[in-house]
Amino acid sequence: MLRNLILEYWMDEGWYVGRLREVPGVFSQGETLGQLEDNIREAYKLMKEEDASIYHTGTITKEIAVEV
């Protein structure tokens, strides 16, 4: 299944650096915009695999209220 996400990117010392707006913590970089896109896809894939393994280890969740 494909899902469209927003890639926000900028230049930093000659590198394309970016993050996925909808997925906190997924950042990457590349020498070209194409490399950044490939790398950010790989970073997202690795994050999803890590999340899946965490939930299979008996993780329990609970919704709590916090003041914002």
PDB file of N, CA and C in Angstrom:
ATOM      1  N   MET A   1       0.845  -1.175   0.000  1.00  0.00           N
ATOM      2  CA  MET A   1       0.000   0.000   0.000  1.00  0.00           C
ATOM      3  C   MET A   1       0.895   1.245   0.000  1.00  0.00           C
ATOM      4  N   LEU A   2       0.567   2.184  -0.842  1.00  0.00           N
ATOM      5  CA  LEU A   2       1.305   3.449  -0.882  1.00  0.00           C
ATOM      6  C   LEU A   2       0.557   4.498  -0.082  1.00  0.00           C
ATOM      7  N   ARG A   3       1.302   5.325   0.603  1.00  0.00           N
ATOM      8  CA  ARG A   3       0.739   6.443   1.365  1.00  0.00           C
ATOM      9  C   ARG A   3       1.560   7.668   1.017  1.00  0.00           C
ATOM     10  N   ASN A   4       0.918   8.756   0.699  1.00  0.00           N
ATOM     11  CA  ASN A   4       1.631   9.995   0.388  1.00  0.00           C
ATOM     12  C   ASN A   4       1.916  10.761   1.675  1.00  0.00           C
ATOM     13  N   LEU A   5       3.185  11.108   1.868  1.00  0.00           N
ATOM     14  CA  LEU A   5       3.613  11.895   3.020  1.00  0.00           C
ATOM     15  C   LEU A   5       4.345  13.125   2.509  1.00  0.00           C
ATOM     16  N   ILE A   6       4.418  14.147   3.323  1.00  0.00           N
ATOM     17  CA  ILE A   6       5.086  15.388   2.938  1.00  0.00           C
ATOM     18  C   ILE A   6       6.549  15.331   3.363  1.00  0.00           C
ATOM     19  N   LEU A   7       7.450  15.485   2.391  1.00  0.00           N
ATOM     20  CA  LEU A   7       8.884  15.585   2.657  1.00  0.00           C
ATOM     21  C   LEU A   7       9.234  17.059   2.728  1.00  0.00           C
ATOM     22  N   GLU A   8       9.664  17.508   3.889  1.00  0.00           N
ATOM     23  CA  GLU A   8      10.182  18.870   4.045  1.00  0.00           C
ATOM     24  C   GLU A   8      11.691  18.774   3.954  1.00  0.00           C
ATOM     25  N   TYR A   9      12.323  19.600   3.116  1.00  0.00           N
ATOM     26  CA  TYR A   9      13.776  19.498   2.976  1.00  0.00           C
ATOM     27  C   TYR A   9      14.407  20.868   2.810  1.00  0.00           C
ATOM     28  N   TRP A  10      15.698  20.911   3.074  1.00  0.00           N
ATOM     29  CA  TRP A  10      16.488  22.125   2.997  1.00  0.00           C
ATOM     30  C   TRP A  10      17.927  21.752   2.679  1.00  0.00           C
ATOM     31  N   MET A  11      18.707  22.747   2.339  1.00  0.00           N
ATOM     32  CA  MET A  11      20.125  22.538   2.054  1.00  0.00           C
ATOM     33  C   MET A  11      20.943  22.860   3.305  1.00  0.00           C
ATOM     34  N   ASP A  12      21.919  22.015   3.602  1.00  0.00           N
ATOM     35  CA  ASP A  12      22.807  22.236   4.738  1.00  0.00           C
ATOM     36  C   ASP A  12      24.220  21.832   4.319  1.00  0.00           C
ATOM     37  N   GLU A  13      25.058  22.811   4.102  1.00  0.00           N
ATOM     38  CA  GLU A  13      26.450  22.591   3.704  1.00  0.00           C
ATOM     39  C   GLU A  13      26.560  21.667   2.489  1.00  0.00           C
ATOM     40  N   GLY A  14      25.721  21.921   1.494  1.00  0.00           N
ATOM     41  CA  GLY A  14      25.771  21.172   0.254  1.00  0.00           C
ATOM     42  C   GLY A  14      24.987  19.875   0.239  1.00  0.00           C
ATOM     43  N   TRP A  15      24.342  19.524   1.334  1.00  0.00           N
ATOM     44  CA  TRP A  15      23.545  18.289   1.438  1.00  0.00           C
ATOM     45  C   TRP A  15      22.062  18.639   1.465  1.00  0.00           C
ATOM     46  N   TYR A  16      21.260  17.786   0.866  1.00  0.00           N
ATOM     47  CA  TYR A  16      19.815  17.865   1.022  1.00  0.00           C
ATOM     48  C   TYR A  16      19.477  17.131   2.309  1.00  0.00           C
ATOM     49  N   VAL A  17      18.810  17.829   3.218  1.00  0.00           N
ATOM     50  CA  VAL A  17      18.426  17.253   4.509  1.00  0.00           C
ATOM     51  C   VAL A  17      16.911  17.373   4.608  1.00  0.00           C
ATOM     52  N   GLY A  18      16.262  16.322   5.096  1.00  0.00           N
ATOM     53  CA  GLY A  18      14.806  16.392   5.148  1.00  0.00           C
ATOM     54  C   GLY A  18      14.205  15.532   6.228  1.00  0.00           C
ATOM     55  N   ARG A  19      12.898  15.737   6.386  1.00  0.00           N
ATOM     56  CA  ARG A  19      12.121  14.976   7.362  1.00  0.00           C
ATOM     57  C   ARG A  19      10.723  14.766   6.816  1.00  0.00           C
ATOM     58  N   LEU A  20      10.060  13.757   7.331  1.00  0.00           N
ATOM     59  CA  LEU A  20       8.667  13.535   6.982  1.00  0.00           C
ATOM     60  C   LEU A  20       7.792  14.291   7.976  1.00  0.00           C
ATOM     61  N   ARG A  21       7.004  15.205   7.460  1.00  0.00           N
ATOM     62  CA  ARG A  21       6.191  16.070   8.321  1.00  0.00           C
ATOM     63  C   ARG A  21       5.261  15.263   9.226  1.00  0.00           C
ATOM     64  N   GLU A  22       4.649  14.217   8.705  1.00  0.00           N
ATOM     65  CA  GLU A  22       3.657  13.463   9.459  1.00  0.00           C
ATOM     66  C   GLU A  22       4.246  12.414  10.395  1.00  0.00           C
ATOM     67  N   VAL A  23       5.558  12.180  10.308  1.00  0.00           N
ATOM     68  CA  VAL A  23       6.175  11.109  11.103  1.00  0.00           C
ATOM     69  C   VAL A  23       7.356  11.685  11.884  1.00  0.00           C
ATOM     70  N   PRO A  24       7.123  12.121  13.113  1.00  0.00           N
ATOM     71  CA  PRO A  24       8.217  12.694  13.901  1.00  0.00           C
ATOM     72  C   PRO A  24       9.383  11.718  14.037  1.00  0.00           C
ATOM     73  N   GLY A  25      10.577  12.229  13.902  1.00  0.00           N
ATOM     74  CA  GLY A  25      11.761  11.409  14.103  1.00  0.00           C
ATOM     75  C   GLY A  25      12.321  10.768  12.846  1.00  0.00           C
ATOM     76  N   VAL A  26      11.643  10.896  11.705  1.00  0.00           N
ATOM     77  CA  VAL A  26      12.168  10.330  10.459  1.00  0.00           C
ATOM     78  C   VAL A  26      12.867  11.445   9.690  1.00  0.00           C
ATOM     79  N   PHE A  27      14.200  11.455   9.796  1.00  0.00           N
ATOM     80  CA  PHE A  27      15.059  12.421   9.127  1.00  0.00           C
ATOM     81  C   PHE A  27      16.069  11.659   8.282  1.00  0.00           C
ATOM     82  N   SER A  28      16.589  12.298   7.241  1.00  0.00           N
ATOM     83  CA  SER A  28      17.687  11.722   6.489  1.00  0.00           C
ATOM     84  C   SER A  28      18.354  12.820   5.674  1.00  0.00           C
ATOM     85  N   GLN A  29      19.335  12.428   4.858  1.00  0.00           N
ATOM     86  CA  GLN A  29      20.045  13.377   4.010  1.00  0.00           C
ATOM     87  C   GLN A  29      20.538  12.663   2.765  1.00  0.00           C
ATOM     88  N   GLY A  30      20.954  13.446   1.774  1.00  0.00           N
ATOM     89  CA  GLY A  30      21.507  12.884   0.554  1.00  0.00           C
ATOM     90  C   GLY A  30      22.256  13.948  -0.221  1.00  0.00           C
ATOM     91  N   GLU A  31      23.141  13.518  -1.089  1.00  0.00           N
ATOM     92  CA  GLU A  31      23.894  14.463  -1.917  1.00  0.00           C
ATOM     93  C   GLU A  31      23.012  15.077  -2.995  1.00  0.00           C
ATOM     94  N   THR A  32      21.946  14.373  -3.377  1.00  0.00           N
ATOM     95  CA  THR A  32      20.979  14.880  -4.346  1.00  0.00           C
ATOM     96  C   THR A  32      19.586  14.730  -3.754  1.00  0.00           C
ATOM     97  N   LEU A  33      18.622  15.404  -4.366  1.00  0.00           N
ATOM     98  CA  LEU A  33      17.247  15.271  -3.896  1.00  0.00           C
ATOM     99  C   LEU A  33      16.765  13.831  -4.068  1.00  0.00           C
ATOM    100  N   GLY A  34      17.152  13.183  -5.155  1.00  0.00           N
ATOM    101  CA  GLY A  34      16.786  11.785  -5.366  1.00  0.00           C
ATOM    102  C   GLY A  34      17.338  10.872  -4.290  1.00  0.00           C
ATOM    103  N   GLN A  35      18.600  11.095  -3.900  1.00  0.00           N
ATOM    104  CA  GLN A  35      19.188  10.294  -2.822  1.00  0.00           C
ATOM    105  C   GLN A  35      18.468  10.543  -1.508  1.00  0.00           C
ATOM    106  N   LEU A  36      18.116  11.803  -1.243  1.00  0.00           N
ATOM    107  CA  LEU A  36      17.359  12.108  -0.021  1.00  0.00           C
ATOM    108  C   LEU A  36      16.040  11.351  -0.022  1.00  0.00           C
ATOM    109  N   GLU A  37      15.335  11.356  -1.144  1.00  0.00           N
ATOM    110  CA  GLU A  37      14.058  10.647  -1.218  1.00  0.00           C
ATOM    111  C   GLU A  37      14.244   9.150  -0.952  1.00  0.00           C
ATOM    112  N   ASP A  38      15.247   8.547  -1.568  1.00  0.00           N
ATOM    113  CA  ASP A  38      15.524   7.122  -1.324  1.00  0.00           C
ATOM    114  C   ASP A  38      15.868   6.872   0.137  1.00  0.00           C
ATOM    115  N   ASN A  39      16.718   7.724   0.707  1.00  0.00           N
ATOM    116  CA  ASN A  39      17.155   7.552   2.095  1.00  0.00           C
ATOM    117  C   ASN A  39      16.017   7.761   3.082  1.00  0.00           C
ATOM    118  N   ILE A  40      15.129   8.715   2.807  1.00  0.00           N
ATOM    119  CA  ILE A  40      14.020   8.967   3.730  1.00  0.00           C
ATOM    120  C   ILE A  40      13.034   7.803   3.676  1.00  0.00           C
ATOM    121  N   ARG A  41      12.853   7.199   2.497  1.00  0.00           N
ATOM    122  CA  ARG A  41      12.006   6.009   2.397  1.00  0.00           C
ATOM    123  C   ARG A  41      12.595   4.860   3.214  1.00  0.00           C
ATOM    124  N   GLU A  42      13.904   4.694   3.123  1.00  0.00           N
ATOM    125  CA  GLU A  42      14.576   3.631   3.887  1.00  0.00           C
ATOM    126  C   GLU A  42      14.466   3.900   5.391  1.00  0.00           C
ATOM    127  N   ALA A  43      14.649   5.150   5.805  1.00  0.00           N
ATOM    128  CA  ALA A  43      14.529   5.506   7.224  1.00  0.00           C
ATOM    129  C   ALA A  43      13.119   5.215   7.732  1.00  0.00           C
ATOM    130  N   TYR A  44      12.119   5.538   6.913  1.00  0.00           N
ATOM    131  CA  TYR A  44      10.722   5.263   7.296  1.00  0.00           C
ATOM    132  C   TYR A  44      10.490   3.761   7.421  1.00  0.00           C
ATOM    133  N   LYS A  45      10.995   2.999   6.451  1.00  0.00           N
ATOM    134  CA  LYS A  45      10.847   1.538   6.475  1.00  0.00           C
ATOM    135  C   LYS A  45      11.478   0.944   7.732  1.00  0.00           C
ATOM    136  N   LEU A  46      12.693   1.395   8.076  1.00  0.00           N
ATOM    137  CA  LEU A  46      13.371   0.890   9.272  1.00  0.00           C
ATOM    138  C   LEU A  46      12.607   1.253  10.533  1.00  0.00           C
ATOM    139  N   MET A  47      12.052   2.462  10.577  1.00  0.00           N
ATOM    140  CA  MET A  47      11.274   2.890  11.741  1.00  0.00           C
ATOM    141  C   MET A  47      10.036   2.018  11.896  1.00  0.00           C
ATOM    142  N   LYS A  48       9.353   1.710  10.785  1.00  0.00           N
ATOM    143  CA  LYS A  48       8.159   0.872  10.855  1.00  0.00           C
ATOM    144  C   LYS A  48       8.514  -0.549  11.309  1.00  0.00           C
ATOM    145  N   GLU A  49       9.627  -1.096  10.829  1.00  0.00           N
ATOM    146  CA  GLU A  49      10.055  -2.426  11.255  1.00  0.00           C
ATOM    147  C   GLU A  49      10.378  -2.439  12.746  1.00  0.00           C
ATOM    148  N   GLU A  50      11.030  -1.386  13.223  1.00  0.00           N
ATOM    149  CA  GLU A  50      11.363  -1.294  14.646  1.00  0.00           C
ATOM    150  C   GLU A  50      10.101  -1.187  15.480  1.00  0.00           C
ATOM    151  N   ASP A  51       9.143  -0.369  15.043  1.00  0.00           N
ATOM    152  CA  ASP A  51       7.875  -0.243  15.763  1.00  0.00           C
ATOM    153  C   ASP A  51       7.161  -1.579  15.836  1.00  0.00           C
ATOM    154  N   ALA A  52       7.155  -2.323  14.741  1.00  0.00           N
ATOM    155  CA  ALA A  52       6.469  -3.621  14.714  1.00  0.00           C
ATOM    156  C   ALA A  52       7.100  -4.588  15.707  1.00  0.00           C
ATOM    157  N   SER A  53       8.423  -4.592  15.804  1.00  0.00           N
ATOM    158  CA  SER A  53       9.078  -5.515  16.728  1.00  0.00           C
ATOM    159  C   SER A  53       8.815  -5.123  18.173  1.00  0.00           C
ATOM    160  N   ILE A  54       8.693  -3.843  18.454  1.00  0.00           N
ATOM    161  CA  ILE A  54       8.407  -3.391  19.816  1.00  0.00           C
ATOM    162  C   ILE A  54       7.036  -3.885  20.261  1.00  0.00           C
ATOM    163  N   TYR A  55       6.041  -3.792  19.380  1.00  0.00           N
ATOM    164  CA  TYR A  55       4.684  -4.169  19.751  1.00  0.00           C
ATOM    165  C   TYR A  55       4.513  -5.673  19.899  1.00  0.00           C
ATOM    166  N   HIS A  56       5.415  -6.454  19.360  1.00  0.00           N
ATOM    167  CA  HIS A  56       5.317  -7.903  19.498  1.00  0.00           C
ATOM    168  C   HIS A  56       5.993  -8.405  20.769  1.00  0.00           C
ATOM    169  N   THR A  57       6.529  -7.518  21.583  1.00  0.00           N
ATOM    170  CA  THR A  57       7.224  -7.955  22.799  1.00  0.00           C
ATOM    171  C   THR A  57       6.367  -7.775  24.042  1.00  0.00           C
ATOM    172  N   GLY A  58       5.061  -7.611  23.887  1.00  0.00           N
ATOM    173  CA  GLY A  58       4.184  -7.497  25.042  1.00  0.00           C
ATOM    174  C   GLY A  58       4.018  -6.076  25.548  1.00  0.00           C
ATOM    175  N   THR A  59       4.255  -5.091  24.721  1.00  0.00           N
ATOM    176  CA  THR A  59       4.079  -3.705  25.111  1.00  0.00           C
ATOM    177  C   THR A  59       2.620  -3.441  25.434  1.00  0.00           C
ATOM    178  N   ILE A  60       2.383  -2.732  26.523  1.00  0.00           N
ATOM    179  CA  ILE A  60       1.040  -2.352  26.927  1.00  0.00           C
ATOM    180  C   ILE A  60       0.927  -0.843  26.782  1.00  0.00           C
ATOM    181  N   THR A  61      -0.207  -0.377  26.288  1.00  0.00           N
ATOM    182  CA  THR A  61      -0.410   1.050  26.149  1.00  0.00           C
ATOM    183  C   THR A  61      -1.575   1.505  27.006  1.00  0.00           C
ATOM    184  N   LYS A  62      -1.535   2.777  27.382  1.00  0.00           N
ATOM    185  CA  LYS A  62      -2.612   3.372  28.174  1.00  0.00           C
ATOM    186  C   LYS A  62      -2.695   4.831  27.790  1.00  0.00           C
ATOM    187  N   GLU A  63      -3.886   5.295  27.507  1.00  0.00           N
ATOM    188  CA  GLU A  63      -4.081   6.700  27.194  1.00  0.00           C
ATOM    189  C   GLU A  63      -4.148   7.488  28.501  1.00  0.00           C
ATOM    190  N   ILE A  64      -3.389   8.587  28.563  1.00  0.00           N
ATOM    191  CA  ILE A  64      -3.398   9.436  29.751  1.00  0.00           C
ATOM    192  C   ILE A  64      -3.638  10.878  29.307  1.00  0.00           C
ATOM    193  N   ALA A  65      -4.113  11.708  30.216  1.00  0.00           N
ATOM    194  CA  ALA A  65      -4.330  13.114  29.942  1.00  0.00           C
ATOM    195  C   ALA A  65      -3.137  13.926  30.419  1.00  0.00           C
ATOM    196  N   VAL A  66      -2.731  14.888  29.606  1.00  0.00           N
ATOM    197  CA  VAL A  66      -1.670  15.813  29.987  1.00  0.00           C
ATOM    198  C   VAL A  66      -2.112  17.230  29.689  1.00  0.00           C
ATOM    199  N   GLU A  67      -1.702  18.149  30.504  1.00  0.00           N
ATOM    200  CA  GLU A  67      -2.044  19.539  30.286  1.00  0.00           C
ATOM    201  C   GLU A  67      -1.136  20.119  29.216  1.00  0.00           C
ATOM    202  N   VAL A  68      -1.736  20.818  28.248  1.00  0.00           N
ATOM    203  CA  VAL A  68      -0.937  21.425  27.169  1.00  0.00           C
ATOM    204  C   VAL A  68      -1.110  22.922  27.158  1.00  0.00           C
TER     205      VAL A  68
END
